[in-house]
Amino acid sequence: ANFYLTLSHSLLYQWKEAEISFENFLSLFSDEEKEKIKVEISDLKELFNKAKTFRYKSPEVARWLSFFIFGAGQIYAGKWDKGINAFALNGIIVLLLVESVISQNYIDAIFIGLSFLERYYSGNLYHAEESALEYNEKKNKTFLGFVLKKLENIASLNH
């Protein structure tokens, strides 16, 4: 049961709980059995520790960064291309808006502000959060792949 708890917690990226279940699972082994799988045990403990202490990207931080600087949240989440694109696109729209206000084309300024700036600025904030979540998901899937391989090795070595 503890083996399956370790597996289910890992699949849900609940690394602390997976580690606890794994320790409970190991408590059922004799010293000789543990010796046969000591490499896998060591590797799994290290993986759980890395997953628990990994510095995940905060969707809130990404959103706030993009709130103040267009595209900064995407760059924070490792999506440089999308961040630069958001910065350039929103920057051009702001320049057009400012140019319209300076030249006293207020109807154009209102149109640009309400139609383009609002849409792309909102999208910038949304994509910043999504980029951080995607980053975290990718890292968790990487950890999960390694954990599943080690659990598979343990299961095969015990039979």
C-alpha atoms as a PDB file:
ATOM      1  CA  ALA A   1       0.000   0.000   0.000  1.00  0.00           C
ATOM      2  CA  ASN A   2       2.846   2.415   0.796  1.00  0.00           C
ATOM      3  CA  PHE A   3       4.386   1.730  -2.608  1.00  0.00           C
ATOM      4  CA  TYR A   4       1.119   2.748  -4.280  1.00  0.00           C
ATOM      5  CA  LEU A   5       0.807   5.764  -1.984  1.00  0.00           C
ATOM      6  CA  THR A   6       4.294   6.820  -3.050  1.00  0.00           C
ATOM      7  CA  LEU A   7       3.248   6.397  -6.652  1.00  0.00           C
ATOM      8  CA  SER A   8      -0.028   8.313  -6.292  1.00  0.00           C
ATOM      9  CA  HIS A   9       1.559  11.198  -4.373  1.00  0.00           C
ATOM     10  CA  SER A  10       4.264  11.413  -7.039  1.00  0.00           C
ATOM     11  CA  LEU A  11       1.670  11.532  -9.809  1.00  0.00           C
ATOM     12  CA  LEU A  12       0.045  14.473  -8.004  1.00  0.00           C
ATOM     13  CA  TYR A  13       3.444  16.169  -7.490  1.00  0.00           C
ATOM     14  CA  GLN A  14       3.011  15.932  -3.722  1.00  0.00           C
ATOM     15  CA  TRP A  15       6.693  15.385  -3.133  1.00  0.00           C
ATOM     16  CA  LYS A  16       6.758  15.602   0.673  1.00  0.00           C
ATOM     17  CA  GLU A  17       3.921  13.084   1.004  1.00  0.00           C
ATOM     18  CA  ALA A  18       5.566  10.817  -1.575  1.00  0.00           C
ATOM     19  CA  GLU A  19       8.783  10.879   0.410  1.00  0.00           C
ATOM     20  CA  ILE A  20       6.947   9.975   3.644  1.00  0.00           C
ATOM     21  CA  SER A  21       5.117   7.099   1.944  1.00  0.00           C
ATOM     22  CA  PHE A  22       8.391   5.877   0.485  1.00  0.00           C
ATOM     23  CA  GLU A  23      10.027   5.906   3.929  1.00  0.00           C
ATOM     24  CA  ASN A  24       7.088   3.898   5.293  1.00  0.00           C
ATOM     25  CA  PHE A  25       7.473   1.496   2.374  1.00  0.00           C
ATOM     26  CA  LEU A  26      11.185   1.051   3.123  1.00  0.00           C
ATOM     27  CA  SER A  27      10.511   0.330   6.785  1.00  0.00           C
ATOM     28  CA  LEU A  28       9.030  -3.012   5.703  1.00  0.00           C
ATOM     29  CA  PHE A  29      12.306  -4.131   4.107  1.00  0.00           C
ATOM     30  CA  SER A  30      15.039  -6.140   5.758  1.00  0.00           C
ATOM     31  CA  ASP A  31      18.581  -4.793   5.726  1.00  0.00           C
ATOM     32  CA  GLU A  32      19.540  -7.340   3.053  1.00  0.00           C
ATOM     33  CA  GLU A  33      16.671  -6.242   0.820  1.00  0.00           C
ATOM     34  CA  LYS A  34      17.579  -2.588   1.297  1.00  0.00           C
ATOM     35  CA  GLU A  35      21.175  -3.381   0.378  1.00  0.00           C
ATOM     36  CA  LYS A  36      20.040  -4.799  -2.997  1.00  0.00           C
ATOM     37  CA  ILE A  37      18.306  -1.541  -3.892  1.00  0.00           C
ATOM     38  CA  LYS A  38      20.486   0.964  -2.052  1.00  0.00           C
ATOM     39  CA  VAL A  39      21.322   2.895  -5.249  1.00  0.00           C
ATOM     40  CA  GLU A  40      17.632   3.314  -6.117  1.00  0.00           C
ATOM     41  CA  ILE A  41      16.833   4.290  -2.512  1.00  0.00           C
ATOM     42  CA  SER A  42      19.558   6.913  -2.505  1.00  0.00           C
ATOM     43  CA  ASP A  43      18.533   8.239  -5.925  1.00  0.00           C
ATOM     44  CA  LEU A  44      14.863   8.450  -4.942  1.00  0.00           C
ATOM     45  CA  LYS A  45      15.612  10.264  -1.708  1.00  0.00           C
ATOM     46  CA  GLU A  46      17.723  12.749  -3.653  1.00  0.00           C
ATOM     47  CA  LEU A  47      14.971  13.205  -6.255  1.00  0.00           C
ATOM     48  CA  PHE A  48      12.326  13.853  -3.602  1.00  0.00           C
ATOM     49  CA  ASN A  49      14.608  16.371  -1.922  1.00  0.00           C
ATOM     50  CA  LYS A  50      15.309  18.173  -5.207  1.00  0.00           C
ATOM     51  CA  ALA A  51      11.606  18.286  -6.091  1.00  0.00           C
ATOM     52  CA  LYS A  52      10.690  19.647  -2.648  1.00  0.00           C
ATOM     53  CA  THR A  53      13.380  22.317  -2.614  1.00  0.00           C
ATOM     54  CA  PHE A  54      13.207  23.305  -6.292  1.00  0.00           C
ATOM     55  CA  ARG A  55      12.523  27.015  -6.817  1.00  0.00           C
ATOM     56  CA  TYR A  56       9.295  26.958  -8.756  1.00  0.00           C
ATOM     57  CA  LYS A  57       8.142  30.084 -10.584  1.00  0.00           C
ATOM     58  CA  SER A  58       5.342  32.020  -8.924  1.00  0.00           C
ATOM     59  CA  PRO A  59       2.396  32.844 -11.227  1.00  0.00           C
ATOM     60  CA  GLU A  60       1.636  35.857  -9.031  1.00  0.00           C
ATOM     61  CA  VAL A  61       5.175  37.213  -9.343  1.00  0.00           C
ATOM     62  CA  ALA A  62       5.038  36.679 -13.108  1.00  0.00           C
ATOM     63  CA  ARG A  63       1.759  38.590 -13.310  1.00  0.00           C
ATOM     64  CA  TRP A  64       3.049  41.494 -11.211  1.00  0.00           C
ATOM     65  CA  LEU A  65       6.251  41.718 -13.230  1.00  0.00           C
ATOM     66  CA  SER A  66       4.222  41.926 -16.437  1.00  0.00           C
ATOM     67  CA  PHE A  67       1.894  44.430 -14.795  1.00  0.00           C
ATOM     68  CA  PHE A  68       4.777  46.888 -14.438  1.00  0.00           C
ATOM     69  CA  ILE A  69       6.963  45.922 -17.426  1.00  0.00           C
ATOM     70  CA  PHE A  70       5.405  44.349 -20.511  1.00  0.00           C
ATOM     71  CA  GLY A  71       6.685  40.792 -21.017  1.00  0.00           C
ATOM     72  CA  ALA A  72       8.770  40.670 -17.832  1.00  0.00           C
ATOM     73  CA  GLY A  73       6.627  37.851 -16.414  1.00  0.00           C
ATOM     74  CA  GLN A  74       7.193  35.676 -19.465  1.00  0.00           C
ATOM     75  CA  ILE A  75      10.935  36.337 -19.289  1.00  0.00           C
ATOM     76  CA  TYR A  76      10.899  35.447 -15.568  1.00  0.00           C
ATOM     77  CA  ALA A  77       9.239  32.133 -16.496  1.00  0.00           C
ATOM     78  CA  GLY A  78      11.911  31.411 -19.107  1.00  0.00           C
ATOM     79  CA  LYS A  79       9.924  32.327 -22.218  1.00  0.00           C
ATOM     80  CA  TRP A  80      12.217  34.982 -23.609  1.00  0.00           C
ATOM     81  CA  ASP A  81      10.704  35.006 -27.079  1.00  0.00           C
ATOM     82  CA  LYS A  82       7.171  35.588 -25.782  1.00  0.00           C
ATOM     83  CA  GLY A  83       8.397  38.189 -23.306  1.00  0.00           C
ATOM     84  CA  ILE A  84      10.245  40.190 -25.940  1.00  0.00           C
ATOM     85  CA  ASN A  85       7.243  39.902 -28.257  1.00  0.00           C
ATOM     86  CA  ALA A  86       4.892  41.176 -25.510  1.00  0.00           C
ATOM     87  CA  PHE A  87       7.260  44.025 -24.697  1.00  0.00           C
ATOM     88  CA  ALA A  88       7.560  45.076 -28.345  1.00  0.00           C
ATOM     89  CA  LEU A  89       3.872  44.759 -29.186  1.00  0.00           C
ATOM     90  CA  ASN A  90       2.596  46.526 -26.073  1.00  0.00           C
ATOM     91  CA  GLY A  91       5.334  49.124 -26.371  1.00  0.00           C
ATOM     92  CA  ILE A  92       4.312  49.982 -29.941  1.00  0.00           C
ATOM     93  CA  ILE A  93       0.675  50.258 -28.891  1.00  0.00           C
ATOM     94  CA  VAL A  94       1.585  52.587 -26.013  1.00  0.00           C
ATOM     95  CA  LEU A  95       3.697  54.700 -28.369  1.00  0.00           C
ATOM     96  CA  LEU A  96       0.762  54.961 -30.797  1.00  0.00           C
ATOM     97  CA  LEU A  97      -1.522  55.901 -27.902  1.00  0.00           C
ATOM     98  CA  VAL A  98       0.871  58.582 -26.628  1.00  0.00           C
ATOM     99  CA  GLU A  99       1.410  59.919 -30.153  1.00  0.00           C
ATOM    100  CA  SER A 100      -2.366  60.182 -30.641  1.00  0.00           C
ATOM    101  CA  VAL A 101      -2.768  62.092 -27.369  1.00  0.00           C
ATOM    102  CA  ILE A 102       0.123  64.452 -28.171  1.00  0.00           C
ATOM    103  CA  SER A 103      -1.307  65.174 -31.627  1.00  0.00           C
ATOM    104  CA  GLN A 104      -4.724  65.688 -29.989  1.00  0.00           C
ATOM    105  CA  ASN A 105      -6.353  62.818 -31.891  1.00  0.00           C
ATOM    106  CA  TYR A 106      -8.397  61.822 -28.843  1.00  0.00           C
ATOM    107  CA  ILE A 107     -10.794  59.564 -30.702  1.00  0.00           C
ATOM    108  CA  ASP A 108      -7.840  57.593 -32.073  1.00  0.00           C
ATOM    109  CA  ALA A 109      -6.333  57.493 -28.583  1.00  0.00           C
ATOM    110  CA  ILE A 110      -9.557  56.157 -27.099  1.00  0.00           C
ATOM    111  CA  PHE A 111      -9.861  53.584 -29.883  1.00  0.00           C
ATOM    112  CA  ILE A 112      -6.256  52.427 -29.455  1.00  0.00           C
ATOM    113  CA  GLY A 113      -6.555  52.346 -25.662  1.00  0.00           C
ATOM    114  CA  LEU A 114      -9.841  50.497 -25.491  1.00  0.00           C
ATOM    115  CA  SER A 115      -9.405  48.086 -28.351  1.00  0.00           C
ATOM    116  CA  PHE A 116      -5.701  47.272 -28.627  1.00  0.00           C
ATOM    117  CA  LEU A 117      -3.989  48.215 -25.401  1.00  0.00           C
ATOM    118  CA  GLU A 118      -6.620  46.658 -23.135  1.00  0.00           C
ATOM    119  CA  ARG A 119      -6.657  43.431 -25.132  1.00  0.00           C
ATOM    120  CA  TYR A 120      -2.892  42.974 -25.457  1.00  0.00           C
ATOM    121  CA  TYR A 121      -2.123  44.227 -21.963  1.00  0.00           C
ATOM    122  CA  SER A 122      -4.646  41.776 -20.451  1.00  0.00           C
ATOM    123  CA  GLY A 123      -3.203  39.017 -22.603  1.00  0.00           C
ATOM    124  CA  ASN A 124       0.274  39.943 -21.408  1.00  0.00           C
ATOM    125  CA  LEU A 125      -0.791  39.438 -17.780  1.00  0.00           C
ATOM    126  CA  TYR A 126      -2.623  36.191 -18.525  1.00  0.00           C
ATOM    127  CA  HIS A 127       0.284  34.713 -20.502  1.00  0.00           C
ATOM    128  CA  ALA A 128       2.756  35.661 -17.788  1.00  0.00           C
ATOM    129  CA  GLU A 129       0.823  33.530 -15.283  1.00  0.00           C
ATOM    130  CA  GLU A 130       0.410  30.693 -17.779  1.00  0.00           C
ATOM    131  CA  SER A 131       4.127  30.721 -18.572  1.00  0.00           C
ATOM    132  CA  ALA A 132       5.002  30.298 -14.893  1.00  0.00           C
ATOM    133  CA  LEU A 133       2.489  27.447 -14.529  1.00  0.00           C
ATOM    134  CA  GLU A 134       3.857  25.741 -17.665  1.00  0.00           C
ATOM    135  CA  TYR A 135       7.401  26.073 -16.324  1.00  0.00           C
ATOM    136  CA  ASN A 136       6.389  24.441 -13.038  1.00  0.00           C
ATOM    137  CA  GLU A 137       4.470  21.666 -14.808  1.00  0.00           C
ATOM    138  CA  LYS A 138       7.448  20.899 -17.052  1.00  0.00           C
ATOM    139  CA  LYS A 139       9.802  20.654 -14.068  1.00  0.00           C
ATOM    140  CA  ASN A 140       7.359  18.457 -12.117  1.00  0.00           C
ATOM    141  CA  LYS A 141       6.973  16.131 -15.112  1.00  0.00           C
ATOM    142  CA  THR A 142      10.749  15.830 -15.328  1.00  0.00           C
ATOM    143  CA  PHE A 143      10.974  14.894 -11.650  1.00  0.00           C
ATOM    144  CA  LEU A 144       8.060  12.491 -12.073  1.00  0.00           C
ATOM    145  CA  GLY A 145       9.735  10.697 -14.973  1.00  0.00           C
ATOM    146  CA  PHE A 146      12.844  10.032 -12.900  1.00  0.00           C
ATOM    147  CA  VAL A 147      10.817   8.958  -9.841  1.00  0.00           C
ATOM    148  CA  LEU A 148       8.711   6.528 -11.892  1.00  0.00           C
ATOM    149  CA  LYS A 149      11.829   4.980 -13.410  1.00  0.00           C
ATOM    150  CA  LYS A 150      13.372   4.445  -9.966  1.00  0.00           C
ATOM    151  CA  LEU A 151      10.125   2.990  -8.581  1.00  0.00           C
ATOM    152  CA  GLU A 152       9.966   0.661 -11.573  1.00  0.00           C
ATOM    153  CA  ASN A 153      13.536  -0.478 -10.856  1.00  0.00           C
ATOM    154  CA  ILE A 154      12.690  -1.114  -7.197  1.00  0.00           C
ATOM    155  CA  ALA A 155       9.586  -3.102  -8.131  1.00  0.00           C
ATOM    156  CA  SER A 156      11.509  -5.231 -10.635  1.00  0.00           C
ATOM    157  CA  LEU A 157      14.448  -5.844  -8.263  1.00  0.00           C
ATOM    158  CA  ASN A 158      12.127  -7.059  -5.515  1.00  0.00           C
ATOM    159  CA  HIS A 159      10.562  -9.809  -7.563  1.00  0.00           C
END
